[in-house]
Amino acid sequence: MTIEWRYTTRQDLGVLSLAGYLGAEATDRFAGAVGWALARGTGTVILDLTGLLGWSAGGQIAVAQAARRLAGSGRRLELAAIPADGSLVPDATCPPVPVHCDLPAALAAHGAHGTVEQCTTDDRPVPQCPSAPALS
């Protein structure tokens, strides 16, 4: 099992929503989604884990790496709705990663309103989305 992702931008905020299981076999796909978010948005990235069935230690490490990657570009990673089977335990090299109980709470913390652009990994066309790269 792997992950599916959807990226939605709002003014100075991006929401990267994951569904599936973030295990070792999905980390490359996740890194590609983070790269998409870096290239297409600005400001904080909220990683919406509402649809995530779970994550392995390798998946958690990939999230910590994403936080460092975003911080290197002057952006921040925040989590919404972490899986019940664990929480992110970043090491000392990881920037702070705020955790929100769910996506509405994360959006409210930023006063975010209105979707600007949405991109997804499935085959459904999204009219506002520039041609999305194929991720495997």
C-alpha atoms as a PDB file:
ATOM      1  CA  MET A   1       0.000   0.000   0.000  1.00  0.00           C
ATOM      2  CA  THR A   2       1.199   3.485  -0.794  1.00  0.00           C
ATOM      3  CA  ILE A   3      -0.112   7.006  -0.408  1.00  0.00           C
ATOM      4  CA  GLU A   4      -2.211   9.328  -2.500  1.00  0.00           C
ATOM      5  CA  TRP A   5      -1.799  13.055  -2.078  1.00  0.00           C
ATOM      6  CA  ARG A   6      -3.656  16.261  -2.819  1.00  0.00           C
ATOM      7  CA  TYR A   7      -2.177  19.758  -2.566  1.00  0.00           C
ATOM      8  CA  THR A   8      -4.390  22.794  -2.112  1.00  0.00           C
ATOM      9  CA  THR A   9      -3.089  26.328  -1.926  1.00  0.00           C
ATOM     10  CA  ARG A  10      -4.618  29.205  -0.077  1.00  0.00           C
ATOM     11  CA  GLN A  11      -3.218  32.676   0.402  1.00  0.00           C
ATOM     12  CA  ASP A  12       0.254  32.188   1.959  1.00  0.00           C
ATOM     13  CA  LEU A  13      -0.633  28.632   2.991  1.00  0.00           C
ATOM     14  CA  GLY A  14      -0.603  25.172   1.437  1.00  0.00           C
ATOM     15  CA  VAL A  15      -2.403  22.020   2.552  1.00  0.00           C
ATOM     16  CA  LEU A  16      -0.811  18.702   1.586  1.00  0.00           C
ATOM     17  CA  SER A  17      -3.362  15.968   2.313  1.00  0.00           C
ATOM     18  CA  LEU A  18      -2.239  12.338   2.466  1.00  0.00           C
ATOM     19  CA  ALA A  19      -4.328   9.170   2.258  1.00  0.00           C
ATOM     20  CA  GLY A  20      -3.153   5.581   2.632  1.00  0.00           C
ATOM     21  CA  TYR A  21      -0.164   4.334   4.596  1.00  0.00           C
ATOM     22  CA  LEU A  22       3.092   6.286   4.831  1.00  0.00           C
ATOM     23  CA  GLY A  23       5.604   3.477   5.005  1.00  0.00           C
ATOM     24  CA  ALA A  24       9.063   2.947   3.541  1.00  0.00           C
ATOM     25  CA  GLU A  25       7.662   2.211   0.075  1.00  0.00           C
ATOM     26  CA  ALA A  26       5.793   5.550   0.039  1.00  0.00           C
ATOM     27  CA  THR A  27       8.553   7.903   1.171  1.00  0.00           C
ATOM     28  CA  ASP A  28       9.754   8.733  -2.357  1.00  0.00           C
ATOM     29  CA  ARG A  29       6.215   9.590  -3.407  1.00  0.00           C
ATOM     30  CA  PHE A  30       5.825  11.713  -0.273  1.00  0.00           C
ATOM     31  CA  ALA A  31       9.114  13.514  -0.986  1.00  0.00           C
ATOM     32  CA  GLY A  32       7.814  14.244  -4.496  1.00  0.00           C
ATOM     33  CA  ALA A  33       4.622  15.708  -3.042  1.00  0.00           C
ATOM     34  CA  VAL A  34       6.667  17.914  -0.719  1.00  0.00           C
ATOM     35  CA  GLY A  35       8.707  19.044  -3.736  1.00  0.00           C
ATOM     36  CA  TRP A  36       5.450  19.889  -5.514  1.00  0.00           C
ATOM     37  CA  ALA A  37       4.357  21.959  -2.495  1.00  0.00           C
ATOM     38  CA  LEU A  38       7.707  23.773  -2.446  1.00  0.00           C
ATOM     39  CA  ALA A  39       7.471  24.601  -6.138  1.00  0.00           C
ATOM     40  CA  ARG A  40       3.813  25.613  -6.210  1.00  0.00           C
ATOM     41  CA  GLY A  41       3.079  27.416  -2.975  1.00  0.00           C
ATOM     42  CA  THR A  42       4.278  29.869  -0.391  1.00  0.00           C
ATOM     43  CA  GLY A  43       4.172  30.051   3.372  1.00  0.00           C
ATOM     44  CA  THR A  44       3.336  27.309   5.837  1.00  0.00           C
ATOM     45  CA  VAL A  45       2.505  23.804   4.635  1.00  0.00           C
ATOM     46  CA  ILE A  46      -0.107  21.986   6.690  1.00  0.00           C
ATOM     47  CA  LEU A  47       0.305  18.236   6.336  1.00  0.00           C
ATOM     48  CA  ASP A  48      -3.259  16.937   6.626  1.00  0.00           C
ATOM     49  CA  LEU A  49      -3.101  13.363   7.885  1.00  0.00           C
ATOM     50  CA  THR A  50      -6.867  12.893   8.237  1.00  0.00           C
ATOM     51  CA  GLY A  51      -6.912  10.211   5.518  1.00  0.00           C
ATOM     52  CA  LEU A  52      -3.711   8.499   6.644  1.00  0.00           C
ATOM     53  CA  LEU A  53      -4.277   4.942   7.860  1.00  0.00           C
ATOM     54  CA  GLY A  54      -0.947   4.922   9.678  1.00  0.00           C
ATOM     55  CA  TRP A  55       2.759   5.503   9.310  1.00  0.00           C
ATOM     56  CA  SER A  56       5.912   3.562   9.968  1.00  0.00           C
ATOM     57  CA  ALA A  57       9.044   4.823  11.689  1.00  0.00           C
ATOM     58  CA  GLY A  58      10.398   5.460   8.170  1.00  0.00           C
ATOM     59  CA  GLY A  59       7.293   7.506   7.347  1.00  0.00           C
ATOM     60  CA  GLN A  60       7.767   9.570  10.476  1.00  0.00           C
ATOM     61  CA  ILE A  61      11.397  10.167   9.520  1.00  0.00           C
ATOM     62  CA  ALA A  62      10.231  11.297   6.065  1.00  0.00           C
ATOM     63  CA  VAL A  63       7.920  13.836   7.722  1.00  0.00           C
ATOM     64  CA  ALA A  64      10.798  15.150   9.857  1.00  0.00           C
ATOM     65  CA  GLN A  65      12.945  15.392   6.706  1.00  0.00           C
ATOM     66  CA  ALA A  66      10.132  17.333   5.010  1.00  0.00           C
ATOM     67  CA  ALA A  67      10.098  19.767   7.948  1.00  0.00           C
ATOM     68  CA  ARG A  68      13.846  20.329   7.517  1.00  0.00           C
ATOM     69  CA  ARG A  69      13.488  20.680   3.737  1.00  0.00           C
ATOM     70  CA  LEU A  70      10.726  23.259   4.074  1.00  0.00           C
ATOM     71  CA  ALA A  71      12.649  25.139   6.782  1.00  0.00           C
ATOM     72  CA  GLY A  72      15.616  25.288   4.406  1.00  0.00           C
ATOM     73  CA  SER A  73      13.362  27.226   2.043  1.00  0.00           C
ATOM     74  CA  GLY A  74      12.094  29.518   4.780  1.00  0.00           C
ATOM     75  CA  ARG A  75       8.798  27.661   5.152  1.00  0.00           C
ATOM     76  CA  ARG A  76       7.202  25.827   8.060  1.00  0.00           C
ATOM     77  CA  LEU A  77       5.539  22.407   8.320  1.00  0.00           C
ATOM     78  CA  GLU A  78       2.547  21.865  10.586  1.00  0.00           C
ATOM     79  CA  LEU A  79       0.627  18.627  11.141  1.00  0.00           C
ATOM     80  CA  ALA A  80      -3.123  18.119  11.334  1.00  0.00           C
ATOM     81  CA  ALA A  81      -4.786  14.931  12.617  1.00  0.00           C
ATOM     82  CA  ILE A  82      -1.775  12.709  13.307  1.00  0.00           C
ATOM     83  CA  PRO A  83      -2.485   8.958  13.214  1.00  0.00           C
ATOM     84  CA  ALA A  84      -3.590   7.378  16.483  1.00  0.00           C
ATOM     85  CA  ASP A  85      -0.743   4.855  16.303  1.00  0.00           C
ATOM     86  CA  GLY A  86       1.995   7.349  17.056  1.00  0.00           C
ATOM     87  CA  SER A  87       3.196  10.866  17.035  1.00  0.00           C
ATOM     88  CA  LEU A  88       6.082  12.539  15.328  1.00  0.00           C
ATOM     89  CA  VAL A  89       9.140  12.595  17.553  1.00  0.00           C
ATOM     90  CA  PRO A  90      11.609  14.859  15.746  1.00  0.00           C
ATOM     91  CA  ASP A  91      15.297  14.833  16.573  1.00  0.00           C
ATOM     92  CA  ALA A  92      17.304  17.890  17.593  1.00  0.00           C
ATOM     93  CA  THR A  93      17.971  18.838  13.948  1.00  0.00           C
ATOM     94  CA  CYS A  94      14.262  19.162  13.164  1.00  0.00           C
ATOM     95  CA  PRO A  95      12.586  22.556  13.369  1.00  0.00           C
ATOM     96  CA  PRO A  96       9.514  22.816  15.620  1.00  0.00           C
ATOM     97  CA  VAL A  97       6.487  21.082  14.056  1.00  0.00           C
ATOM     98  CA  PRO A  98       3.190  22.306  15.505  1.00  0.00           C
ATOM     99  CA  VAL A  99       0.436  19.678  15.709  1.00  0.00           C
ATOM    100  CA  HIS A 100      -3.260  20.532  15.341  1.00  0.00           C
ATOM    101  CA  CYS A 101      -6.060  18.161  16.339  1.00  0.00           C
ATOM    102  CA  ASP A 102      -7.631  18.334  12.863  1.00  0.00           C
ATOM    103  CA  LEU A 103      -7.536  20.292   9.600  1.00  0.00           C
ATOM    104  CA  PRO A 104     -10.242  22.827  10.537  1.00  0.00           C
ATOM    105  CA  ALA A 105      -8.257  23.737  13.672  1.00  0.00           C
ATOM    106  CA  ALA A 106      -5.069  24.143  11.616  1.00  0.00           C
ATOM    107  CA  LEU A 107      -6.816  26.347   9.073  1.00  0.00           C
ATOM    108  CA  ALA A 108      -8.468  28.400  11.813  1.00  0.00           C
ATOM    109  CA  ALA A 109      -5.063  28.988  13.400  1.00  0.00           C
ATOM    110  CA  HIS A 110      -4.046  30.677  10.140  1.00  0.00           C
ATOM    111  CA  GLY A 111      -7.353  32.382   9.384  1.00  0.00           C
ATOM    112  CA  ALA A 112      -7.349  30.523   6.042  1.00  0.00           C
ATOM    113  CA  HIS A 113     -10.346  30.883   3.747  1.00  0.00           C
ATOM    114  CA  GLY A 114     -10.971  29.930   0.125  1.00  0.00           C
ATOM    115  CA  THR A 115      -9.247  27.390  -2.094  1.00  0.00           C
ATOM    116  CA  VAL A 116      -7.054  28.800  -4.831  1.00  0.00           C
ATOM    117  CA  GLU A 117      -5.566  25.752  -6.537  1.00  0.00           C
ATOM    118  CA  GLN A 118      -5.845  22.007  -6.037  1.00  0.00           C
ATOM    119  CA  CYS A 119      -3.619  19.259  -7.423  1.00  0.00           C
ATOM    120  CA  THR A 120      -3.988  15.523  -6.884  1.00  0.00           C
ATOM    121  CA  THR A 121      -2.333  12.216  -7.716  1.00  0.00           C
ATOM    122  CA  ASP A 122      -5.469  10.423  -8.872  1.00  0.00           C
ATOM    123  CA  ASP A 123      -6.885  10.526 -12.392  1.00  0.00           C
ATOM    124  CA  ARG A 124      -9.654  13.057 -11.728  1.00  0.00           C
ATOM    125  CA  PRO A 125      -9.087  16.271 -13.654  1.00  0.00           C
ATOM    126  CA  VAL A 126      -8.747  19.395 -11.523  1.00  0.00           C
ATOM    127  CA  PRO A 127      -9.376  22.448 -13.712  1.00  0.00           C
ATOM    128  CA  GLN A 128      -7.257  24.851 -11.664  1.00  0.00           C
ATOM    129  CA  CYS A 129      -4.264  22.547 -11.517  1.00  0.00           C
ATOM    130  CA  PRO A 130      -1.343  23.027 -13.897  1.00  0.00           C
ATOM    131  CA  SER A 131      -0.269  19.710 -15.353  1.00  0.00           C
ATOM    132  CA  ALA A 132       0.771  17.616 -12.392  1.00  0.00           C
ATOM    133  CA  PRO A 133       3.883  15.473 -12.696  1.00  0.00           C
ATOM    134  CA  ALA A 134       3.429  11.738 -12.713  1.00  0.00           C
ATOM    135  CA  LEU A 135       4.525  10.303  -9.393  1.00  0.00           C
ATOM    136  CA  SER A 136       5.171   6.640  -8.880  1.00  0.00           C
END
